[in-house]
Every structure is written in C-alpha cells, then in structure tokens.
Amino acid sequence: MLASTVALADGKISVEAGGGLSRIYGTQPFFGTSESTLGYGVALGFTAAVQLTQVNSRARVFFGLSHRYDTGSDAAAQFGLQAIYPMLRLALPGLFLSAGATPYAWRKDTGAGRDGWNRLSGSIAYLGEAGIEYGLSPEASLLAVATGQAVNTSGTTSPKPCFDVTAQIRIYFLPSQNEKGTDSGVSAKDYLEGWRYPFGIPRK
C-alpha cells in the first residue's frame, strides 16, 4: 500500500525559525500599562530539538530549546516578552504539540532596543504550542504555529496569555535511511519532493 512507503520529512535533529504577529492580553500587573490588551506586535521564534524516538516513526517525541520573542504597544510605549524554554514536543504526521516552562524570561517595559529588557526575578513562564507541518522534502517543512505564553509571579499570572501566530521553516539533519530507500525499494523522494509532491503523491 502507498501509506506503508510514504516517508515524512524527518531527522534526528531539527532546527526551525520564523515570524508573525503577536497579541498580549492580561498585561496588568506585569507591564503596569493602563491597557489590559496591547496592540499587535512582532513575534519571532527559533527552536532546536533532538528526536528521542526512532526517526520516521508515526508518533515522534522531541526535546529541545525554544526562544520566543513577542512585542506589543499602547499609545505611550512599546512592551515585550521573551523567554528561552526547555520543551517537549509530540509530533504526528502533519501535526505537533509542544509544552515548556522556564525561569529564563525577560520583560521590556519602555523604550526601544536591548536596553529596555530586564530579566524577570522569581517568575516562571509557561509555553503551549500547536502547529501544522507541511512537508516540502525529506529534509524540510513549512510550519503554521500558534503559541500561547503566560507568566506566573508570586501566584499572580500576567500576561495571560501572550498569544502569537507564526509561519516558520523547519530543517532536519541526520535524516531517515528511508530517504535512500524503503523496504519496498521505493525511494522516499519518489513520494515527497519539493512543492509538487508535499503529501506523498508518487510521480507519474
């Protein structure tokens, strides 16, 4: 059957990056702004992960580090949140879910540039992520990712949440042996190649 020979874009190590839009809700008391919801801002994401399961498994588990950068503004100033999360990810064909938590988070209160960023003390930031993966080749995928973050400080949660939507590209390293050939002798690149063959449709 075709389904038994289709190879997913996969590898032992993955790196992904991209950007999009962010919206920060529940800003008080975290930012001390008069607005409870900030205007749209810039969202950037970068993740590097290693696969803990066998390459090309139907259900895959990854451990990695994810850096998130989100901004927002009101009428008077620009604000931001960034954090570096250790995270776990469950990946199924075409879908993935990630979660993480970290004390390594920074807040931007006012001003512009890196001088406005301050390390949070006594806070834990939480990450939840869901995404869709669109395979381009055995080594690369396009991603549509929705991410939510919340920060807990002394029992108070704010922001709640910092929400962003991004488009990203993922590159795999140390790919599956199925790139060279499957048990049936059919090359994975016969099923998944570039823009024309993203869903495992064999070439005619």
C-alpha atoms as a PDB file:
ATOM      1  CA  MET A   1       0.000   0.000   0.000  1.00  0.00           C
ATOM      2  CA  LEU A   2       1.102   3.544  -0.632  1.00  0.00           C
ATOM      3  CA  ALA A   3       0.738   4.554   3.039  1.00  0.00           C
ATOM      4  CA  SER A   4       3.330   1.976   4.095  1.00  0.00           C
ATOM      5  CA  THR A   5       6.062   3.506   1.935  1.00  0.00           C
ATOM      6  CA  VAL A   6       5.453   7.248   2.295  1.00  0.00           C
ATOM      7  CA  ALA A   7       8.282   8.954   4.209  1.00  0.00           C
ATOM      8  CA  LEU A   8       7.694  12.013   6.352  1.00  0.00           C
ATOM      9  CA  ALA A   9      10.064  14.950   6.444  1.00  0.00           C
ATOM     10  CA  ASP A  10      12.123  13.849   9.423  1.00  0.00           C
ATOM     11  CA  GLY A  11      15.544  13.619  11.021  1.00  0.00           C
ATOM     12  CA  LYS A  12      17.290  13.121  14.338  1.00  0.00           C
ATOM     13  CA  ILE A  13      17.878  16.876  14.775  1.00  0.00           C
ATOM     14  CA  SER A  14      15.589  19.713  13.705  1.00  0.00           C
ATOM     15  CA  VAL A  15      16.033  23.490  13.567  1.00  0.00           C
ATOM     16  CA  GLU A  16      13.183  25.891  12.838  1.00  0.00           C
ATOM     17  CA  ALA A  17      12.735  29.665  12.677  1.00  0.00           C
ATOM     18  CA  GLY A  18      10.163  32.194  11.537  1.00  0.00           C
ATOM     19  CA  GLY A  19       7.999  35.150  12.439  1.00  0.00           C
ATOM     20  CA  GLY A  20       4.488  36.542  12.552  1.00  0.00           C
ATOM     21  CA  LEU A  21       2.103  38.562  14.721  1.00  0.00           C
ATOM     22  CA  SER A  22       1.660  38.661  18.487  1.00  0.00           C
ATOM     23  CA  ARG A  23      -1.062  39.952  20.814  1.00  0.00           C
ATOM     24  CA  ILE A  24      -0.530  40.309  24.568  1.00  0.00           C
ATOM     25  CA  TYR A  25      -3.565  40.054  26.881  1.00  0.00           C
ATOM     26  CA  GLY A  26      -3.910  40.460  30.652  1.00  0.00           C
ATOM     27  CA  THR A  27      -0.993  42.870  30.834  1.00  0.00           C
ATOM     28  CA  GLN A  28      -1.654  44.088  34.382  1.00  0.00           C
ATOM     29  CA  PRO A  29       0.301  43.954  36.666  1.00  0.00           C
ATOM     30  CA  PHE A  30       3.095  42.529  34.505  1.00  0.00           C
ATOM     31  CA  PHE A  31       3.705  45.655  32.416  1.00  0.00           C
ATOM     32  CA  GLY A  32       1.934  48.250  34.546  1.00  0.00           C
ATOM     33  CA  THR A  33       0.224  49.711  31.491  1.00  0.00           C
ATOM     34  CA  SER A  34      -3.242  51.235  31.602  1.00  0.00           C
ATOM     35  CA  GLU A  35      -4.301  48.975  28.728  1.00  0.00           C
ATOM     36  CA  SER A  36      -5.309  45.402  29.564  1.00  0.00           C
ATOM     37  CA  THR A  37      -4.620  44.299  25.970  1.00  0.00           C
ATOM     38  CA  LEU A  38      -1.754  45.635  23.889  1.00  0.00           C
ATOM     39  CA  GLY A  39      -1.816  46.333  20.167  1.00  0.00           C
ATOM     40  CA  TYR A  40      -0.466  43.816  17.672  1.00  0.00           C
ATOM     41  CA  GLY A  41       3.290  43.339  17.660  1.00  0.00           C
ATOM     42  CA  VAL A  42       6.082  41.262  16.177  1.00  0.00           C
ATOM     43  CA  ALA A  43       6.532  37.589  17.020  1.00  0.00           C
ATOM     44  CA  LEU A  44       9.752  35.675  16.354  1.00  0.00           C
ATOM     45  CA  GLY A  45      10.535  32.064  17.153  1.00  0.00           C
ATOM     46  CA  PHE A  46      13.582  29.804  16.993  1.00  0.00           C
ATOM     47  CA  THR A  47      13.708  26.157  18.091  1.00  0.00           C
ATOM     48  CA  ALA A  48      16.393  23.470  18.016  1.00  0.00           C
ATOM     49  CA  ALA A  49      15.383  19.942  19.015  1.00  0.00           C
ATOM     50  CA  VAL A  50      16.650  16.367  19.089  1.00  0.00           C
ATOM     51  CA  GLN A  51      14.364  13.413  18.455  1.00  0.00           C
ATOM     52  CA  LEU A  52      14.060  10.900  21.306  1.00  0.00           C
ATOM     53  CA  THR A  53      12.171   8.316  19.257  1.00  0.00           C
ATOM     54  CA  GLN A  54      13.126   6.390  16.141  1.00  0.00           C
ATOM     55  CA  VAL A  55      13.376   8.531  13.028  1.00  0.00           C
ATOM     56  CA  ASN A  56      10.348   8.197  10.739  1.00  0.00           C
ATOM     57  CA  SER A  57       8.080   6.861  13.498  1.00  0.00           C
ATOM     58  CA  ARG A  58       4.402   7.731  13.190  1.00  0.00           C
ATOM     59  CA  ALA A  59       4.429   9.299  16.664  1.00  0.00           C
ATOM     60  CA  ARG A  60       7.649  11.163  17.438  1.00  0.00           C
ATOM     61  CA  VAL A  61       8.902  12.808  20.643  1.00  0.00           C
ATOM     62  CA  PHE A  62      11.411  15.675  20.630  1.00  0.00           C
ATOM     63  CA  PHE A  63      13.288  17.537  23.367  1.00  0.00           C
ATOM     64  CA  GLY A  64      14.643  20.979  22.599  1.00  0.00           C
ATOM     65  CA  LEU A  65      15.130  24.646  23.388  1.00  0.00           C
ATOM     66  CA  SER A  66      12.727  27.267  22.045  1.00  0.00           C
ATOM     67  CA  HIS A  67      13.336  31.012  22.079  1.00  0.00           C
ATOM     68  CA  ARG A  68      10.216  33.181  21.824  1.00  0.00           C
ATOM     69  CA  TYR A  69      10.194  36.958  21.252  1.00  0.00           C
ATOM     70  CA  ASP A  70       6.922  38.909  21.331  1.00  0.00           C
ATOM     71  CA  THR A  71       6.157  42.631  21.397  1.00  0.00           C
ATOM     72  CA  GLY A  72       3.107  44.859  21.757  1.00  0.00           C
ATOM     73  CA  SER A  73       2.375  48.523  22.329  1.00  0.00           C
ATOM     74  CA  ASP A  74      -0.117  51.014  23.706  1.00  0.00           C
ATOM     75  CA  ALA A  75      -0.463  54.699  22.913  1.00  0.00           C
ATOM     76  CA  ALA A  76       2.586  55.618  25.002  1.00  0.00           C
ATOM     77  CA  ALA A  77       5.189  52.855  24.802  1.00  0.00           C
ATOM     78  CA  GLN A  78       6.330  49.525  23.404  1.00  0.00           C
ATOM     79  CA  PHE A  79       6.425  46.382  25.557  1.00  0.00           C
ATOM     80  CA  GLY A  80       7.783  42.901  25.097  1.00  0.00           C
ATOM     81  CA  LEU A  81       8.294  39.403  26.457  1.00  0.00           C
ATOM     82  CA  GLN A  82      10.983  36.937  25.514  1.00  0.00           C
ATOM     83  CA  ALA A  83      11.948  33.613  27.035  1.00  0.00           C
ATOM     84  CA  ILE A  84      14.087  30.524  26.432  1.00  0.00           C
ATOM     85  CA  TYR A  85      12.094  27.345  27.077  1.00  0.00           C
ATOM     86  CA  PRO A  86      13.244  23.763  27.534  1.00  0.00           C
ATOM     87  CA  MET A  87      10.345  21.976  25.867  1.00  0.00           C
ATOM     88  CA  LEU A  88       8.917  18.583  24.926  1.00  0.00           C
ATOM     89  CA  ARG A  89       7.124  18.025  21.623  1.00  0.00           C
ATOM     90  CA  LEU A  90       4.808  15.292  20.392  1.00  0.00           C
ATOM     91  CA  ALA A  91       4.700  15.115  16.594  1.00  0.00           C
ATOM     92  CA  LEU A  92       2.202  13.173  14.500  1.00  0.00           C
ATOM     93  CA  PRO A  93       2.013  13.190  10.688  1.00  0.00           C
ATOM     94  CA  GLY A  94       1.247  16.811   9.807  1.00  0.00           C
ATOM     95  CA  LEU A  95       0.614  17.946  13.411  1.00  0.00           C
ATOM     96  CA  PHE A  96       2.635  18.707  16.549  1.00  0.00           C
ATOM     97  CA  LEU A  97       2.096  19.865  20.144  1.00  0.00           C
ATOM     98  CA  SER A  98       4.746  21.384  22.429  1.00  0.00           C
ATOM     99  CA  ALA A  99       4.928  22.471  26.072  1.00  0.00           C
ATOM    100  CA  GLY A 100       7.608  24.002  28.272  1.00  0.00           C
ATOM    101  CA  ALA A 101       8.375  26.106  31.321  1.00  0.00           C
ATOM    102  CA  THR A 102      11.317  28.320  32.260  1.00  0.00           C
ATOM    103  CA  PRO A 103      12.666  30.870  34.745  1.00  0.00           C
ATOM    104  CA  TYR A 104      14.703  32.430  31.919  1.00  0.00           C
ATOM    105  CA  ALA A 105      12.415  35.225  30.780  1.00  0.00           C
ATOM    106  CA  TRP A 106      12.794  38.936  30.110  1.00  0.00           C
ATOM    107  CA  ARG A 107      10.380  41.871  30.063  1.00  0.00           C
ATOM    108  CA  LYS A 108      10.587  45.090  28.100  1.00  0.00           C
ATOM    109  CA  ASP A 109       8.794  47.918  29.879  1.00  0.00           C
ATOM    110  CA  THR A 110       9.581  51.094  27.972  1.00  0.00           C
ATOM    111  CA  GLY A 111      11.946  52.464  25.390  1.00  0.00           C
ATOM    112  CA  ALA A 112      13.483  50.710  22.414  1.00  0.00           C
ATOM    113  CA  GLY A 113      16.394  48.403  21.835  1.00  0.00           C
ATOM    114  CA  ARG A 114      18.018  45.891  24.155  1.00  0.00           C
ATOM    115  CA  ASP A 115      18.492  48.467  26.939  1.00  0.00           C
ATOM    116  CA  GLY A 116      14.777  48.219  27.664  1.00  0.00           C
ATOM    117  CA  TRP A 117      14.937  44.484  28.524  1.00  0.00           C
ATOM    118  CA  ASN A 118      15.117  43.305  32.129  1.00  0.00           C
ATOM    119  CA  ARG A 119      15.495  39.732  33.432  1.00  0.00           C
ATOM    120  CA  LEU A 120      12.494  38.566  35.467  1.00  0.00           C
ATOM    121  CA  SER A 121      13.152  37.506  39.046  1.00  0.00           C
ATOM    122  CA  GLY A 122      11.043  34.925  40.869  1.00  0.00           C
ATOM    123  CA  SER A 123       8.867  34.258  37.816  1.00  0.00           C
ATOM    124  CA  ILE A 124       8.105  31.135  35.783  1.00  0.00           C
ATOM    125  CA  ALA A 125       6.998  31.443  32.161  1.00  0.00           C
ATOM    126  CA  TYR A 126       4.891  28.692  30.569  1.00  0.00           C
ATOM    127  CA  LEU A 127       4.637  27.757  26.903  1.00  0.00           C
ATOM    128  CA  GLY A 128       1.963  25.879  24.948  1.00  0.00           C
ATOM    129  CA  GLU A 129       2.223  25.397  21.203  1.00  0.00           C
ATOM    130  CA  ALA A 130       0.278  23.712  18.399  1.00  0.00           C
ATOM    131  CA  GLY A 131       1.306  23.555  14.781  1.00  0.00           C
ATOM    132  CA  ILE A 132       0.700  22.154  11.319  1.00  0.00           C
ATOM    133  CA  GLU A 133       3.605  20.742   9.312  1.00  0.00           C
ATOM    134  CA  TYR A 134       3.580  20.834   5.500  1.00  0.00           C
ATOM    135  CA  GLY A 135       6.354  18.694   4.045  1.00  0.00           C
ATOM    136  CA  LEU A 136       8.476  20.031   1.223  1.00  0.00           C
ATOM    137  CA  SER A 137      11.142  17.328   1.081  1.00  0.00           C
ATOM    138  CA  PRO A 138      12.564  14.648   3.394  1.00  0.00           C
ATOM    139  CA  GLU A 139      14.750  17.397   4.912  1.00  0.00           C
ATOM    140  CA  ALA A 140      12.442  20.447   5.111  1.00  0.00           C
ATOM    141  CA  SER A 141       8.917  21.511   6.075  1.00  0.00           C
ATOM    142  CA  LEU A 142       6.819  24.649   6.288  1.00  0.00           C
ATOM    143  CA  LEU A 143       5.039  25.267   9.599  1.00  0.00           C
ATOM    144  CA  ALA A 144       1.986  27.219  10.735  1.00  0.00           C
ATOM    145  CA  VAL A 145       2.319  27.651  14.506  1.00  0.00           C
ATOM    146  CA  ALA A 146       0.050  29.062  17.238  1.00  0.00           C
ATOM    147  CA  THR A 147       1.722  29.731  20.598  1.00  0.00           C
ATOM    148  CA  GLY A 148       0.463  30.855  23.993  1.00  0.00           C
ATOM    149  CA  GLN A 149       2.618  32.008  26.902  1.00  0.00           C
ATOM    150  CA  ALA A 150       1.784  33.001  30.474  1.00  0.00           C
ATOM    151  CA  VAL A 151       3.999  34.229  33.314  1.00  0.00           C
ATOM    152  CA  ASN A 152       3.399  33.415  36.965  1.00  0.00           C
ATOM    153  CA  THR A 153       4.943  35.730  39.551  1.00  0.00           C
ATOM    154  CA  SER A 154       4.249  35.133  43.249  1.00  0.00           C
ATOM    155  CA  GLY A 155       0.961  33.419  42.464  1.00  0.00           C
ATOM    156  CA  THR A 156      -0.224  36.089  40.016  1.00  0.00           C
ATOM    157  CA  THR A 157      -0.486  35.214  36.314  1.00  0.00           C
ATOM    158  CA  SER A 158       0.191  38.055  33.880  1.00  0.00           C
ATOM    159  CA  PRO A 159       0.283  38.297  30.920  1.00  0.00           C
ATOM    160  CA  LYS A 160      -2.452  35.731  30.295  1.00  0.00           C
ATOM    161  CA  PRO A 161      -1.810  34.945  27.611  1.00  0.00           C
ATOM    162  CA  CYS A 162       0.785  36.289  25.253  1.00  0.00           C
ATOM    163  CA  PHE A 163      -0.515  34.805  22.009  1.00  0.00           C
ATOM    164  CA  ASP A 164       1.192  34.648  18.636  1.00  0.00           C
ATOM    165  CA  VAL A 165       0.778  33.090  15.207  1.00  0.00           C
ATOM    166  CA  THR A 166       3.875  32.492  13.079  1.00  0.00           C
ATOM    167  CA  ALA A 167       4.966  30.944   9.784  1.00  0.00           C
ATOM    168  CA  GLN A 168       8.208  29.009  10.078  1.00  0.00           C
ATOM    169  CA  ILE A 169      10.519  26.726   8.163  1.00  0.00           C
ATOM    170  CA  ARG A 170      11.959  23.555   9.702  1.00  0.00           C
ATOM    171  CA  ILE A 171      15.163  21.887   8.536  1.00  0.00           C
ATOM    172  CA  TYR A 172      16.013  18.296   9.517  1.00  0.00           C
ATOM    173  CA  PHE A 173      19.505  16.912   9.955  1.00  0.00           C
ATOM    174  CA  LEU A 174      20.593  13.238  10.128  1.00  0.00           C
ATOM    175  CA  PRO A 175      17.569  12.142   8.082  1.00  0.00           C
ATOM    176  CA  SER A 176      15.939   8.737   7.961  1.00  0.00           C
ATOM    177  CA  GLN A 177      17.507   5.948   5.979  1.00  0.00           C
ATOM    178  CA  ASN A 178      14.198   5.873   4.117  1.00  0.00           C
ATOM    179  CA  GLU A 179      15.489   8.845   2.160  1.00  0.00           C
ATOM    180  CA  LYS A 180      17.750   6.361   0.390  1.00  0.00           C
ATOM    181  CA  GLY A 181      15.102   3.688   0.017  1.00  0.00           C
ATOM    182  CA  THR A 182      12.254   1.949   1.781  1.00  0.00           C
ATOM    183  CA  ASP A 183      11.801  -1.747   2.415  1.00  0.00           C
ATOM    184  CA  SER A 184       9.882  -1.955  -0.845  1.00  0.00           C
ATOM    185  CA  GLY A 185      12.827  -0.462  -2.727  1.00  0.00           C
ATOM    186  CA  VAL A 186      10.988   2.795  -3.462  1.00  0.00           C
ATOM    187  CA  SER A 187      12.910   5.980  -2.741  1.00  0.00           C
ATOM    188  CA  ALA A 188      11.210   8.408  -0.363  1.00  0.00           C
ATOM    189  CA  LYS A 189      11.978  11.178  -2.852  1.00  0.00           C
ATOM    190  CA  ASP A 190       9.658   9.424  -5.302  1.00  0.00           C
ATOM    191  CA  TYR A 191       6.850  10.224  -2.848  1.00  0.00           C
ATOM    192  CA  LEU A 192       7.863  13.531  -1.283  1.00  0.00           C
ATOM    193  CA  GLU A 193       9.737  16.065  -3.334  1.00  0.00           C
ATOM    194  CA  GLY A 194       9.509  19.849  -3.273  1.00  0.00           C
ATOM    195  CA  TRP A 195       6.408  21.881  -3.967  1.00  0.00           C
ATOM    196  CA  ARG A 196       4.899  19.325  -6.369  1.00  0.00           C
ATOM    197  CA  TYR A 197       4.926  16.335  -4.013  1.00  0.00           C
ATOM    198  CA  PRO A 198       4.169  17.553  -0.470  1.00  0.00           C
ATOM    199  CA  PHE A 199       1.687  14.828   0.508  1.00  0.00           C
ATOM    200  CA  GLY A 200       3.443  11.672  -0.663  1.00  0.00           C
ATOM    201  CA  ILE A 201       1.865  11.577  -4.120  1.00  0.00           C
ATOM    202  CA  PRO A 202       4.026   9.388  -6.379  1.00  0.00           C
ATOM    203  CA  ARG A 203       5.482  10.826  -9.559  1.00  0.00           C
ATOM    204  CA  LYS A 204       3.861   9.719 -12.806  1.00  0.00           C
END
